[in-house]
C-alpha atoms as a PDB file:
ATOM      1  CA  MET A   1       0.000   0.000   0.000  1.00  0.00           C
ATOM      2  CA  PHE A   2       1.342   3.411  -1.027  1.00  0.00           C
ATOM      3  CA  PHE A   3       0.254   5.293   2.071  1.00  0.00           C
ATOM      4  CA  SER A   4       0.948   2.707   4.758  1.00  0.00           C
ATOM      5  CA  PRO A   5       3.179   3.904   7.654  1.00  0.00           C
ATOM      6  CA  HIS A   6       6.741   4.446   6.503  1.00  0.00           C
ATOM      7  CA  LEU A   7       9.619   5.828   8.566  1.00  0.00           C
ATOM      8  CA  SER A   8      11.196   8.954   7.098  1.00  0.00           C
ATOM      9  CA  GLY A   9      14.950   9.449   6.811  1.00  0.00           C
ATOM     10  CA  LYS A  10      14.986  11.794   9.828  1.00  0.00           C
ATOM     11  CA  ARG A  11      13.088   9.342  12.043  1.00  0.00           C
ATOM     12  CA  LEU A  12      15.270   6.459  10.893  1.00  0.00           C
ATOM     13  CA  SER A  13      18.398   8.454  11.659  1.00  0.00           C
ATOM     14  CA  ASP A  14      17.152   9.356  15.139  1.00  0.00           C
ATOM     15  CA  LEU A  15      16.010   5.777  15.798  1.00  0.00           C
ATOM     16  CA  CYS A  16      19.383   4.337  14.756  1.00  0.00           C
ATOM     17  CA  HIS A  17      21.179   6.840  16.997  1.00  0.00           C
ATOM     18  CA  ARG A  18      19.110   5.952  20.066  1.00  0.00           C
ATOM     19  CA  LEU A  19      19.371   2.200  19.473  1.00  0.00           C
ATOM     20  CA  ALA A  20      23.124   2.351  18.827  1.00  0.00           C
ATOM     21  CA  THR A  21      23.700   4.455  21.955  1.00  0.00           C
ATOM     22  CA  GLY A  22      21.709   2.068  24.151  1.00  0.00           C
ATOM     23  CA  LEU A  23      23.268  -1.108  22.772  1.00  0.00           C
ATOM     24  CA  ALA A  24      26.802   0.332  22.922  1.00  0.00           C
ATOM     25  CA  ALA A  25      26.195   1.105  26.612  1.00  0.00           C
ATOM     26  CA  GLY A  26      25.321  -2.542  27.218  1.00  0.00           C
ATOM     27  CA  VAL A  27      21.543  -2.101  27.565  1.00  0.00           C
ATOM     28  CA  ASP A  28      19.527  -5.142  26.435  1.00  0.00           C
ATOM     29  CA  ILE A  29      17.674  -4.705  23.118  1.00  0.00           C
ATOM     30  CA  ARG A  30      14.353  -5.585  24.800  1.00  0.00           C
ATOM     31  CA  LYS A  31      14.706  -2.686  27.218  1.00  0.00           C
ATOM     32  CA  VAL A  32      15.896  -0.295  24.522  1.00  0.00           C
ATOM     33  CA  TRP A  33      13.029  -1.189  22.207  1.00  0.00           C
ATOM     34  CA  LYS A  34      10.437  -1.037  24.972  1.00  0.00           C
ATOM     35  CA  ARG A  35      11.238   2.654  25.357  1.00  0.00           C
ATOM     36  CA  GLU A  36      10.875   3.122  21.598  1.00  0.00           C
ATOM     37  CA  ALA A  37       7.492   1.339  21.594  1.00  0.00           C
ATOM     38  CA  GLU A  38       6.223   3.546  24.416  1.00  0.00           C
ATOM     39  CA  ASN A  39       7.201   6.721  22.551  1.00  0.00           C
ATOM     40  CA  ALA A  40       6.243   5.610  19.021  1.00  0.00           C
ATOM     41  CA  PRO A  41       3.959   8.070  17.200  1.00  0.00           C
ATOM     42  CA  GLY A  42       0.372   7.413  16.078  1.00  0.00           C
ATOM     43  CA  ARG A  43      -0.157   4.526  13.676  1.00  0.00           C
ATOM     44  CA  MET A  44       3.366   3.196  14.191  1.00  0.00           C
ATOM     45  CA  ARG A  45       2.877   2.450  17.878  1.00  0.00           C
ATOM     46  CA  GLU A  46       0.999  -0.797  17.255  1.00  0.00           C
ATOM     47  CA  GLN A  47       3.760  -2.090  14.976  1.00  0.00           C
ATOM     48  CA  PHE A  48       6.482  -1.060  17.415  1.00  0.00           C
ATOM     49  CA  GLN A  49       4.604  -2.875  20.187  1.00  0.00           C
ATOM     50  CA  SER A  50       4.342  -5.954  17.959  1.00  0.00           C
ATOM     51  CA  VAL A  51       8.144  -5.930  17.593  1.00  0.00           C
ATOM     52  CA  GLN A  52       8.445  -5.556  21.362  1.00  0.00           C
ATOM     53  CA  HIS A  53       6.202  -8.590  21.923  1.00  0.00           C
ATOM     54  CA  ASP A  54       8.181 -10.724  19.439  1.00  0.00           C
ATOM     55  CA  ILE A  55      11.635  -9.969  20.862  1.00  0.00           C
ATOM     56  CA  GLU A  56      10.370 -10.617  24.390  1.00  0.00           C
ATOM     57  CA  GLN A  57       9.288 -14.057  23.141  1.00  0.00           C
ATOM     58  CA  GLY A  58      12.844 -14.713  21.924  1.00  0.00           C
ATOM     59  CA  GLU A  59      12.372 -13.777  18.258  1.00  0.00           C
ATOM     60  CA  PRO A  60      15.486 -12.294  16.564  1.00  0.00           C
ATOM     61  CA  PHE A  61      15.348  -8.508  16.383  1.00  0.00           C
ATOM     62  CA  ALA A  62      15.730  -8.361  12.588  1.00  0.00           C
ATOM     63  CA  THR A  63      12.997 -10.974  12.067  1.00  0.00           C
ATOM     64  CA  SER A  64      10.626  -9.039  14.337  1.00  0.00           C
ATOM     65  CA  LEU A  65      11.277  -5.824  12.420  1.00  0.00           C
ATOM     66  CA  ALA A  66      10.664  -7.544   9.074  1.00  0.00           C
ATOM     67  CA  LYS A  67       7.142  -8.536  10.174  1.00  0.00           C
ATOM     68  CA  THR A  68       6.077  -4.866  10.185  1.00  0.00           C
ATOM     69  CA  GLY A  69       5.794  -4.820   6.391  1.00  0.00           C
ATOM     70  CA  ASN A  70       6.946  -1.609   4.725  1.00  0.00           C
ATOM     71  CA  LEU A  71       7.545   0.349   7.929  1.00  0.00           C
ATOM     72  CA  PHE A  72      11.335  -0.100   7.703  1.00  0.00           C
ATOM     73  CA  PRO A  73      13.406   0.057   4.482  1.00  0.00           C
ATOM     74  CA  ARG A  74      14.766  -3.213   3.162  1.00  0.00           C
ATOM     75  CA  LEU A  75      18.362  -2.025   3.529  1.00  0.00           C
ATOM     76  CA  PHE A  76      17.758  -1.231   7.211  1.00  0.00           C
ATOM     77  CA  LEU A  77      16.259  -4.682   7.865  1.00  0.00           C
ATOM     78  CA  GLN A  78      19.051  -6.549   6.130  1.00  0.00           C
ATOM     79  CA  MET A  79      21.780  -4.498   7.775  1.00  0.00           C
ATOM     80  CA  VAL A  80      20.286  -5.141  11.234  1.00  0.00           C
ATOM     81  CA  ASP A  81      20.196  -8.840  10.366  1.00  0.00           C
ATOM     82  CA  VAL A  82      23.893  -8.709   9.398  1.00  0.00           C
ATOM     83  CA  GLY A  83      24.688  -6.870  12.629  1.00  0.00           C
ATOM     84  CA  GLU A  84      22.880  -9.487  14.722  1.00  0.00           C
ATOM     85  CA  ARG A  85      24.614 -12.394  13.006  1.00  0.00           C
ATOM     86  CA  THR A  86      28.059 -10.832  13.398  1.00  0.00           C
ATOM     87  CA  GLY A  87      27.541  -9.417  16.890  1.00  0.00           C
ATOM     88  CA  GLN A  88      28.015  -5.854  15.633  1.00  0.00           C
ATOM     89  CA  THR A  89      24.469  -4.495  15.862  1.00  0.00           C
ATOM     90  CA  ALA A  90      25.505  -1.294  17.661  1.00  0.00           C
ATOM     91  CA  GLU A  91      28.266  -0.561  15.123  1.00  0.00           C
ATOM     92  CA  VAL A  92      25.939  -1.219  12.184  1.00  0.00           C
ATOM     93  CA  LEU A  93      23.207   1.000  13.639  1.00  0.00           C
ATOM     94  CA  ASN A  94      25.738   3.758  14.255  1.00  0.00           C
ATOM     95  CA  LYS A  95      26.745   3.730  10.593  1.00  0.00           C
ATOM     96  CA  LEU A  96      23.114   3.519   9.457  1.00  0.00           C
ATOM     97  CA  GLU A  97      22.422   6.640  11.518  1.00  0.00           C
ATOM     98  CA  ARG A  98      24.915   8.614   9.428  1.00  0.00           C
ATOM     99  CA  HIS A  99      23.636   7.040   6.200  1.00  0.00           C
ATOM    100  CA  TYR A 100      20.038   8.160   6.805  1.00  0.00           C
ATOM    101  CA  ARG A 101      21.071  11.530   8.229  1.00  0.00           C
ATOM    102  CA  VAL A 102      22.998  12.389   5.066  1.00  0.00           C
ATOM    103  CA  ARG A 103      20.050  11.316   2.908  1.00  0.00           C
ATOM    104  CA  HIS A 104      17.695  13.453   4.976  1.00  0.00           C
ATOM    105  CA  GLU A 105      19.967  16.498   4.735  1.00  0.00           C
ATOM    106  CA  LEU A 106      20.218  16.146   0.958  1.00  0.00           C
ATOM    107  CA  MET A 107      16.435  15.912   0.617  1.00  0.00           C
ATOM    108  CA  ARG A 108      15.941  18.896   2.927  1.00  0.00           C
ATOM    109  CA  THR A 109      18.311  20.942   0.747  1.00  0.00           C
ATOM    110  CA  PHE A 110      16.363  19.934  -2.360  1.00  0.00           C
ATOM    111  CA  LEU A 111      12.953  20.782  -0.870  1.00  0.00           C
ATOM    112  CA  GLY A 112      14.234  24.061   0.554  1.00  0.00           C
ATOM    113  CA  LEU A 113      15.395  25.236  -2.866  1.00  0.00           C
ATOM    114  CA  LEU A 114      12.115  24.125  -4.440  1.00  0.00           C
ATOM    115  CA  ALA A 115       9.860  25.815  -1.862  1.00  0.00           C
ATOM    116  CA  TRP A 116       9.469  29.237  -3.530  1.00  0.00           C
ATOM    117  CA  PRO A 117       8.646  27.910  -7.044  1.00  0.00           C
ATOM    118  CA  MET A 118       6.035  25.609  -5.479  1.00  0.00           C
ATOM    119  CA  ILE A 119       4.498  28.546  -3.586  1.00  0.00           C
ATOM    120  CA  GLN A 120       4.245  30.417  -6.889  1.00  0.00           C
ATOM    121  CA  LEU A 121       2.553  27.429  -8.515  1.00  0.00           C
ATOM    122  CA  ILE A 122       0.029  27.154  -5.670  1.00  0.00           C
ATOM    123  CA  MET A 123      -0.704  30.887  -5.943  1.00  0.00           C
ATOM    124  CA  ALA A 124      -1.233  30.610  -9.713  1.00  0.00           C
ATOM    125  CA  VAL A 125      -3.591  27.646  -9.286  1.00  0.00           C
ATOM    126  CA  PHE A 126      -5.510  29.534  -6.574  1.00  0.00           C
ATOM    127  CA  ILE A 127      -5.798  32.723  -8.671  1.00  0.00           C
ATOM    128  CA  ILE A 128      -7.170  30.775 -11.634  1.00  0.00           C
ATOM    129  CA  GLY A 129      -9.797  29.174  -9.397  1.00  0.00           C
ATOM    130  CA  LEU A 130     -10.663  32.574  -7.920  1.00  0.00           C
ATOM    131  CA  LEU A 131     -11.051  34.060 -11.411  1.00  0.00           C
ATOM    132  CA  ILE A 132     -13.393  31.234 -12.431  1.00  0.00           C
ATOM    133  CA  TRP A 133     -15.572  31.922  -9.395  1.00  0.00           C
ATOM    134  CA  ILE A 134     -15.551  35.753  -9.667  1.00  0.00           C
ATOM    135  CA  LEU A 135     -16.504  35.812 -13.364  1.00  0.00           C
ATOM    136  CA  GLY A 136     -19.319  33.385 -12.620  1.00  0.00           C
ATOM    137  CA  ALA A 137     -20.513  35.327  -9.566  1.00  0.00           C
ATOM    138  CA  LEU A 138     -20.582  38.571 -11.601  1.00  0.00           C
ATOM    139  CA  ASP A 139     -22.381  36.744 -14.407  1.00  0.00           C
ATOM    140  CA  ALA A 140     -19.797  38.186 -16.810  1.00  0.00           C
ATOM    141  CA  ARG A 141     -20.734  37.567 -20.439  1.00  0.00           C
ATOM    142  CA  ASP A 142     -19.214  38.216 -23.829  1.00  0.00           C
ATOM    143  CA  LEU A 143     -20.894  40.212 -26.600  1.00  0.00           C
ATOM    144  CA  ASP A 144     -22.809  37.127 -27.697  1.00  0.00           C
ATOM    145  CA  GLY A 145     -24.349  36.894 -24.243  1.00  0.00           C
ATOM    146  CA  LYS A 146     -22.474  33.707 -23.368  1.00  0.00           C
ATOM    147  CA  PRO A 147     -20.899  33.284 -19.877  1.00  0.00           C
ATOM    148  CA  ILE A 148     -17.160  33.978 -19.938  1.00  0.00           C
ATOM    149  CA  ASP A 149     -15.195  30.730 -19.577  1.00  0.00           C
ATOM    150  CA  PRO A 150     -11.604  31.630 -18.489  1.00  0.00           C
ATOM    151  CA  LEU A 151     -10.122  28.218 -19.343  1.00  0.00           C
ATOM    152  CA  GLY A 152     -12.330  27.432 -22.320  1.00  0.00           C
ATOM    153  CA  ILE A 153     -13.366  24.030 -20.949  1.00  0.00           C
ATOM    154  CA  GLY A 154     -16.748  24.881 -19.473  1.00  0.00           C
ATOM    155  CA  LEU A 155     -15.687  25.771 -15.920  1.00  0.00           C
ATOM    156  CA  ILE A 156     -17.890  28.669 -14.825  1.00  0.00           C
ATOM    157  CA  GLY A 157     -18.988  29.953 -11.410  1.00  0.00           C
ATOM    158  CA  THR A 158     -19.303  27.894  -8.240  1.00  0.00           C
ATOM    159  CA  ARG A 159     -19.867  24.627 -10.094  1.00  0.00           C
ATOM    160  CA  GLY A 160     -16.806  25.310 -12.239  1.00  0.00           C
ATOM    161  CA  VAL A 161     -14.664  26.003  -9.163  1.00  0.00           C
ATOM    162  CA  ILE A 162     -15.759  22.706  -7.577  1.00  0.00           C
ATOM    163  CA  ILE A 163     -14.832  20.766 -10.725  1.00  0.00           C
ATOM    164  CA  TYR A 164     -11.548  22.702 -10.999  1.00  0.00           C
ATOM    165  CA  ALA A 165     -10.692  21.968  -7.341  1.00  0.00           C
ATOM    166  CA  ASN A 166     -11.408  18.266  -7.885  1.00  0.00           C
ATOM    167  CA  LEU A 167      -9.127  18.226 -10.937  1.00  0.00           C
ATOM    168  CA  VAL A 168      -6.336  19.895  -8.951  1.00  0.00           C
ATOM    169  CA  LEU A 169      -6.855  17.460  -6.055  1.00  0.00           C
ATOM    170  CA  ALA A 170      -6.830  14.429  -8.377  1.00  0.00           C
ATOM    171  CA  THR A 171      -3.606  15.634 -10.025  1.00  0.00           C
ATOM    172  CA  THR A 172      -1.974  16.213  -6.625  1.00  0.00           C
ATOM    173  CA  LEU A 173      -2.977  12.747  -5.393  1.00  0.00           C
ATOM    174  CA  ALA A 174      -1.678  11.155  -8.616  1.00  0.00           C
ATOM    175  CA  ILE A 175       1.702  12.850  -8.151  1.00  0.00           C
ATOM    176  CA  ALA A 176       1.801  11.820  -4.471  1.00  0.00           C
ATOM    177  CA  ALA A 177       0.970   8.226  -5.430  1.00  0.00           C
ATOM    178  CA  ALA A 178       3.744   8.223  -8.048  1.00  0.00           C
ATOM    179  CA  VAL A 179       6.273   9.521  -5.492  1.00  0.00           C
ATOM    180  CA  ALA A 180       5.147   6.922  -2.934  1.00  0.00           C
ATOM    181  CA  ALA A 181       5.352   4.198  -5.582  1.00  0.00           C
ATOM    182  CA  MET A 182       8.876   5.287  -6.501  1.00  0.00           C
ATOM    183  CA  ARG A 183       9.971   5.168  -2.858  1.00  0.00           C
ATOM    184  CA  ARG A 184       8.669   1.619  -2.622  1.00  0.00           C
ATOM    185  CA  GLY A 185      10.237   0.543  -5.930  1.00  0.00           C
ATOM    186  CA  ALA A 186       7.025  -0.060  -7.884  1.00  0.00           C
ATOM    187  CA  LEU A 187       7.638  -2.205 -10.969  1.00  0.00           C
ATOM    188  CA  TRP A 188       5.799   0.129 -13.359  1.00  0.00           C
ATOM    189  CA  LEU A 189       8.090   3.049 -12.455  1.00  0.00           C
ATOM    190  CA  ARG A 190      11.386   1.226 -12.930  1.00  0.00           C
ATOM    191  CA  PRO A 191      11.618   1.896 -16.694  1.00  0.00           C
ATOM    192  CA  VAL A 192      11.027   5.584 -15.927  1.00  0.00           C
ATOM    193  CA  GLN A 193      13.905   5.545 -13.417  1.00  0.00           C
ATOM    194  CA  ARG A 194      16.233   3.962 -15.970  1.00  0.00           C
ATOM    195  CA  PHE A 195      15.227   6.439 -18.673  1.00  0.00           C
ATOM    196  CA  VAL A 196      15.580   9.566 -16.510  1.00  0.00           C
ATOM    197  CA  THR A 197      18.951   8.419 -15.103  1.00  0.00           C
ATOM    198  CA  LYS A 198      20.329   8.262 -18.663  1.00  0.00           C
ATOM    199  CA  LEU A 199      19.244  11.803 -19.570  1.00  0.00           C
ATOM    200  CA  PRO A 200      21.996  14.421 -20.006  1.00  0.00           C
ATOM    201  CA  GLY A 201      22.282  16.894 -17.135  1.00  0.00           C
ATOM    202  CA  ILE A 202      19.527  15.604 -14.860  1.00  0.00           C
ATOM    203  CA  GLY A 203      20.693  12.001 -15.255  1.00  0.00           C
ATOM    204  CA  SER A 204      24.256  12.912 -14.292  1.00  0.00           C
ATOM    205  CA  ALA A 205      23.011  14.625 -11.119  1.00  0.00           C
ATOM    206  CA  ILE A 206      20.904  11.597 -10.183  1.00  0.00           C
ATOM    207  CA  GLN A 207      23.888   9.291 -10.744  1.00  0.00           C
ATOM    208  CA  LYS A 208      26.063  11.334  -8.374  1.00  0.00           C
ATOM    209  CA  ILE A 209      23.420  11.104  -5.651  1.00  0.00           C
ATOM    210  CA  CYS A 210      23.100   7.340  -6.164  1.00  0.00           C
ATOM    211  CA  LEU A 211      26.869   6.807  -6.180  1.00  0.00           C
ATOM    212  CA  ALA A 212      27.190   8.706  -2.897  1.00  0.00           C
ATOM    213  CA  GLN A 213      24.705   6.286  -1.307  1.00  0.00           C
ATOM    214  CA  LEU A 214      26.352   3.275  -2.934  1.00  0.00           C
ATOM    215  CA  ALA A 215      29.898   4.179  -1.866  1.00  0.00           C
ATOM    216  CA  TRP A 216      28.847   4.773   1.724  1.00  0.00           C
ATOM    217  CA  THR A 217      26.876   1.500   1.876  1.00  0.00           C
ATOM    218  CA  LEU A 218      29.864  -0.353   0.439  1.00  0.00           C
ATOM    219  CA  HIS A 219      32.063   1.145   3.148  1.00  0.00           C
ATOM    220  CA  LEU A 220      29.494   0.211   5.791  1.00  0.00           C
ATOM    221  CA  LEU A 221      29.088  -3.408   4.654  1.00  0.00           C
ATOM    222  CA  LEU A 222      32.806  -4.032   4.261  1.00  0.00           C
ATOM    223  CA  ASN A 223      33.210  -3.280   7.963  1.00  0.00           C
ATOM    224  CA  VAL A 224      31.254  -6.426   8.825  1.00  0.00           C
ATOM    225  CA  GLU A 225      31.902 -10.017   7.845  1.00  0.00           C
ATOM    226  CA  MET A 226      29.644 -10.649   4.881  1.00  0.00           C
ATOM    227  CA  ASP A 227      29.613 -12.828   1.776  1.00  0.00           C
ATOM    228  CA  LEU A 228      30.098 -10.732  -1.373  1.00  0.00           C
ATOM    229  CA  ARG A 229      27.114 -12.502  -2.950  1.00  0.00           C
ATOM    230  CA  GLN A 230      24.945 -10.971  -0.235  1.00  0.00           C
ATOM    231  CA  LEU A 231      26.820  -7.680  -0.205  1.00  0.00           C
ATOM    232  CA  VAL A 232      26.343  -6.798  -3.886  1.00  0.00           C
ATOM    233  CA  PRO A 233      22.498  -6.781  -3.897  1.00  0.00           C
ATOM    234  CA  LEU A 234      22.419  -4.691  -0.715  1.00  0.00           C
ATOM    235  CA  VAL A 235      24.864  -2.157  -2.141  1.00  0.00           C
ATOM    236  CA  LEU A 236      22.820  -1.786  -5.326  1.00  0.00           C
ATOM    237  CA  LEU A 237      19.584  -1.626  -3.347  1.00  0.00           C
ATOM    238  CA  SER A 238      20.892   1.352  -1.357  1.00  0.00           C
ATOM    239  CA  THR A 239      20.755   3.519  -4.504  1.00  0.00           C
ATOM    240  CA  GLY A 240      16.963   3.118  -4.708  1.00  0.00           C
ATOM    241  CA  ASN A 241      17.354   3.302  -8.495  1.00  0.00           C
ATOM    242  CA  ASP A 242      16.632   0.458 -10.908  1.00  0.00           C
ATOM    243  CA  TYR A 243      19.294   1.806 -13.278  1.00  0.00           C
ATOM    244  CA  TYR A 244      21.748   0.080 -10.925  1.00  0.00           C
ATOM    245  CA  ILE A 245      19.549  -2.540  -9.226  1.00  0.00           C
ATOM    246  CA  GLN A 246      18.753  -4.246 -12.559  1.00  0.00           C
ATOM    247  CA  HIS A 247      22.382  -5.473 -12.775  1.00  0.00           C
ATOM    248  CA  ARG A 248      22.406  -7.418  -9.498  1.00  0.00           C
ATOM    249  CA  LYS A 249      22.063 -10.909 -11.053  1.00  0.00           C
ATOM    250  CA  GLN A 250      24.967 -10.309 -13.434  1.00  0.00           C
ATOM    251  CA  MET A 251      27.134  -8.839 -10.682  1.00  0.00           C
ATOM    252  CA  VAL A 252      26.368 -11.628  -8.208  1.00  0.00           C
ATOM    253  CA  ALA A 253      27.201 -14.179 -10.922  1.00  0.00           C
ATOM    254  CA  ASP A 254      30.529 -12.427 -11.606  1.00  0.00           C
ATOM    255  CA  VAL A 255      31.447 -12.394  -7.912  1.00  0.00           C
ATOM    256  CA  GLN A 256      30.431 -16.034  -7.556  1.00  0.00           C
ATOM    257  CA  ALA A 257      32.690 -16.865 -10.513  1.00  0.00           C
ATOM    258  CA  GLY A 258      35.627 -15.370  -8.605  1.00  0.00           C
ATOM    259  CA  LEU A 259      35.954 -12.012 -10.361  1.00  0.00           C
ATOM    260  CA  PRO A 260      37.193  -9.035  -8.312  1.00  0.00           C
ATOM    261  CA  LEU A 261      34.535  -6.633  -7.137  1.00  0.00           C
ATOM    262  CA  HIS A 262      35.641  -3.834  -9.473  1.00  0.00           C
ATOM    263  CA  LEU A 263      35.280  -6.102 -12.525  1.00  0.00           C
ATOM    264  CA  ALA A 264      31.789  -7.145 -11.447  1.00  0.00           C
ATOM    265  CA  PHE A 265      30.886  -3.458 -11.281  1.00  0.00           C
ATOM    266  CA  ALA A 266      32.638  -2.717 -14.589  1.00  0.00           C
ATOM    267  CA  ASN A 267      30.844  -5.514 -16.461  1.00  0.00           C
ATOM    268  CA  SER A 268      27.486  -3.936 -15.648  1.00  0.00           C
ATOM    269  CA  GLY A 269      28.352  -0.878 -17.745  1.00  0.00           C
ATOM    270  CA  ALA A 270      26.464   1.340 -15.286  1.00  0.00           C
ATOM    271  CA  PHE A 271      29.345   2.884 -13.349  1.00  0.00           C
ATOM    272  CA  PRO A 272      31.705   5.742 -14.339  1.00  0.00           C
ATOM    273  CA  PRO A 273      35.458   5.157 -14.847  1.00  0.00           C
ATOM    274  CA  THR A 274      36.358   7.317 -11.822  1.00  0.00           C
ATOM    275  CA  PHE A 275      34.364   5.067  -9.495  1.00  0.00           C
ATOM    276  CA  LEU A 276      35.734   1.874 -11.069  1.00  0.00           C
ATOM    277  CA  ASP A 277      39.339   3.122 -10.897  1.00  0.00           C
ATOM    278  CA  ALA A 278      38.963   4.050  -7.219  1.00  0.00           C
ATOM    279  CA  LEU A 279      37.431   0.649  -6.452  1.00  0.00           C
ATOM    280  CA  ALA A 280      40.177  -1.208  -8.357  1.00  0.00           C
ATOM    281  CA  VAL A 281      42.972   0.662  -6.547  1.00  0.00           C
ATOM    282  CA  ALA A 282      41.227   0.079  -3.212  1.00  0.00           C
ATOM    283  CA  GLU A 283      40.960  -3.671  -3.844  1.00  0.00           C
ATOM    284  CA  GLU A 284      44.601  -3.932  -4.895  1.00  0.00           C
ATOM    285  CA  SER A 285      45.790  -2.007  -1.833  1.00  0.00           C
ATOM    286  CA  GLY A 286      43.611  -4.009   0.553  1.00  0.00           C
ATOM    287  CA  GLN A 287      42.089  -0.812   1.978  1.00  0.00           C
ATOM    288  CA  ILE A 288      38.737  -0.974   0.250  1.00  0.00           C
ATOM    289  CA  SER A 289      36.637   0.036   3.266  1.00  0.00           C
ATOM    290  CA  GLU A 290      38.735   3.124   4.034  1.00  0.00           C
ATOM    291  CA  SER A 291      38.897   4.082   0.351  1.00  0.00           C
ATOM    292  CA  MET A 292      35.124   3.783   0.009  1.00  0.00           C
ATOM    293  CA  ALA A 293      34.680   6.057   3.039  1.00  0.00           C
ATOM    294  CA  ARG A 294      36.830   8.726   1.362  1.00  0.00           C
ATOM    295  CA  LEU A 295      35.041   8.224  -1.951  1.00  0.00           C
ATOM    296  CA  ALA A 296      31.672   8.451  -0.182  1.00  0.00           C
ATOM    297  CA  ASN A 297      32.652  11.810   1.336  1.00  0.00           C
ATOM    298  CA  GLN A 298      33.704  13.050  -2.092  1.00  0.00           C
ATOM    299  CA  TYR A 299      30.479  11.882  -3.719  1.00  0.00           C
ATOM    300  CA  GLU A 300      28.415  13.381  -0.890  1.00  0.00           C
ATOM    301  CA  ALA A 301      29.849  16.817  -1.701  1.00  0.00           C
ATOM    302  CA  GLU A 302      29.048  16.225  -5.372  1.00  0.00           C
ATOM    303  CA  ALA A 303      25.593  14.911  -4.429  1.00  0.00           C
ATOM    304  CA  GLU A 304      24.838  18.146  -2.573  1.00  0.00           C
ATOM    305  CA  SER A 305      25.738  20.121  -5.691  1.00  0.00           C
ATOM    306  CA  ALA A 306      23.656  17.694  -7.757  1.00  0.00           C
ATOM    307  CA  MET A 307      20.662  18.219  -5.451  1.00  0.00           C
ATOM    308  CA  LYS A 308      20.982  21.973  -5.949  1.00  0.00           C
ATOM    309  CA  TYR A 309      21.147  21.448  -9.714  1.00  0.00           C
ATOM    310  CA  LEU A 310      18.030  19.247  -9.647  1.00  0.00           C
ATOM    311  CA  ALA A 311      16.217  21.779  -7.471  1.00  0.00           C
ATOM    312  CA  VAL A 312      17.087  24.581  -9.899  1.00  0.00           C
ATOM    313  CA  ALA A 313      15.970  22.437 -12.853  1.00  0.00           C
ATOM    314  CA  ALA A 314      12.717  21.546 -11.084  1.00  0.00           C
ATOM    315  CA  GLY A 315      12.236  25.189 -10.116  1.00  0.00           C
ATOM    316  CA  ILE A 316      12.660  26.283 -13.733  1.00  0.00           C
ATOM    317  CA  ALA A 317      10.140  23.631 -14.800  1.00  0.00           C
ATOM    318  CA  VAL A 318       7.653  24.929 -12.224  1.00  0.00           C
ATOM    319  CA  TRP A 319       8.238  28.543 -13.300  1.00  0.00           C
ATOM    320  CA  VAL A 320       7.656  27.553 -16.935  1.00  0.00           C
ATOM    321  CA  LEU A 321       4.421  25.842 -15.881  1.00  0.00           C
ATOM    322  CA  VAL A 322       3.295  28.922 -13.926  1.00  0.00           C
ATOM    323  CA  ALA A 323       4.188  31.228 -16.830  1.00  0.00           C
ATOM    324  CA  THR A 324       2.335  28.958 -19.257  1.00  0.00           C
ATOM    325  CA  LEU A 325      -0.793  28.988 -17.081  1.00  0.00           C
ATOM    326  CA  ILE A 326      -0.695  32.776 -16.769  1.00  0.00           C
ATOM    327  CA  VAL A 327      -0.031  33.338 -20.487  1.00  0.00           C
ATOM    328  CA  LEU A 328      -2.842  30.964 -21.473  1.00  0.00           C
ATOM    329  CA  MET A 329      -5.204  32.739 -19.081  1.00  0.00           C
ATOM    330  CA  ILE A 330      -4.241  36.183 -20.403  1.00  0.00           C
ATOM    331  CA  PHE A 331      -4.510  34.968 -23.998  1.00  0.00           C
ATOM    332  CA  ARG A 332      -7.943  33.493 -23.298  1.00  0.00           C
ATOM    333  CA  LEU A 333      -9.218  36.725 -21.722  1.00  0.00           C
ATOM    334  CA  PHE A 334      -7.608  38.735 -24.547  1.00  0.00           C
ATOM    335  CA  ILE A 335      -9.614  36.729 -27.065  1.00  0.00           C
ATOM    336  CA  VAL A 336     -12.857  37.148 -25.111  1.00  0.00           C
ATOM    337  CA  PHE A 337     -12.587  40.855 -24.240  1.00  0.00           C
ATOM    338  CA  TYR A 338     -10.597  42.251 -27.177  1.00  0.00           C
ATOM    339  CA  LEU A 339     -10.495  40.073 -30.279  1.00  0.00           C
ATOM    340  CA  GLY A 340     -14.087  38.908 -29.816  1.00  0.00           C
ATOM    341  CA  PRO A 341     -15.624  42.397 -29.956  1.00  0.00           C
ATOM    342  CA  ILE A 342     -13.362  43.383 -32.882  1.00  0.00           C
ATOM    343  CA  LYS A 343     -14.397  40.288 -34.799  1.00  0.00           C
ATOM    344  CA  GLN A 344     -18.064  40.914 -34.036  1.00  0.00           C
ATOM    345  CA  ALA A 345     -17.809  44.574 -35.067  1.00  0.00           C
ATOM    346  CA  THR A 346     -16.116  43.583 -38.328  1.00  0.00           C
ATOM    347  CA  GLU A 347     -18.862  41.097 -39.124  1.00  0.00           C
ATOM    348  CA  MET A 348     -21.538  43.731 -38.437  1.00  0.00           C
ATOM    349  CA  THR A 349     -19.986  46.200 -40.913  1.00  0.00           C
ATOM    350  CA  MET A 350     -19.782  43.667 -43.701  1.00  0.00           C
END
């Protein structure tokens, strides 16, 4: 379900921090989680309490979390499972805290830059609705005695405003559903992800953001004992982008055949030479985890710039949309109030 409870990046970051702090101090997971269940917000409280019940019955922590459905991201669940199996749950949660914090900060930067264009769009939509209602309330008519229709699609007066508001609401809900579907990796949106990631400009920015997540996850996973066949899918999954995730079978097969990690990545054809070169040097030097941490920091700086680029691009798109709406409205009223009378006067003199 698109709108089922789902922990945001900020809440995940805070949760990981509290859990890691408690476990590192030697507090039992049952006691730590009991406090979380007591303080869980709204609809999530029941699911948190379900986890509490399961771990008190001896169920593994990761298994109990997985039973909550889509509440926790797949990467989070699998990393907690790895931490439990290796006895490094606190360390894993500590690194996950940074992972989700960085993601949240990037998204906050993006939304902050996009705020003003969105306010302008909302104002334009509101003004159009207000104009529809005012012209209807004044019973404004053209020279033929017909009610003035600002949009030219039959929306006039109070009834027109209601229909217009429903159209705006339906469009907003459709966009929200598409965003929710993308966050959950809906199958029908995967081709769109692959297409957009290949586009010049925007695609390059998206790739930098994904590579920042991938490099950091690779660093995180290489700090725990884990089979590369399990590591590769998790690393690709952290990007949240099917442009990379689609190559997991090929990459797992390459690793299983004994190929070095950098060749498995190279054979996918999805990664830039700079990333592959850094990974190859890291493998040869035996310092892959440390190298990935440095590379992750580098990509995070580039990802922040990429987020700003995407926000500017999205802002321009919104401004173009607002300008188009305003121009169409002005053009429509120009036809009704200026060209219409001229045309009618011309016909009368003929």
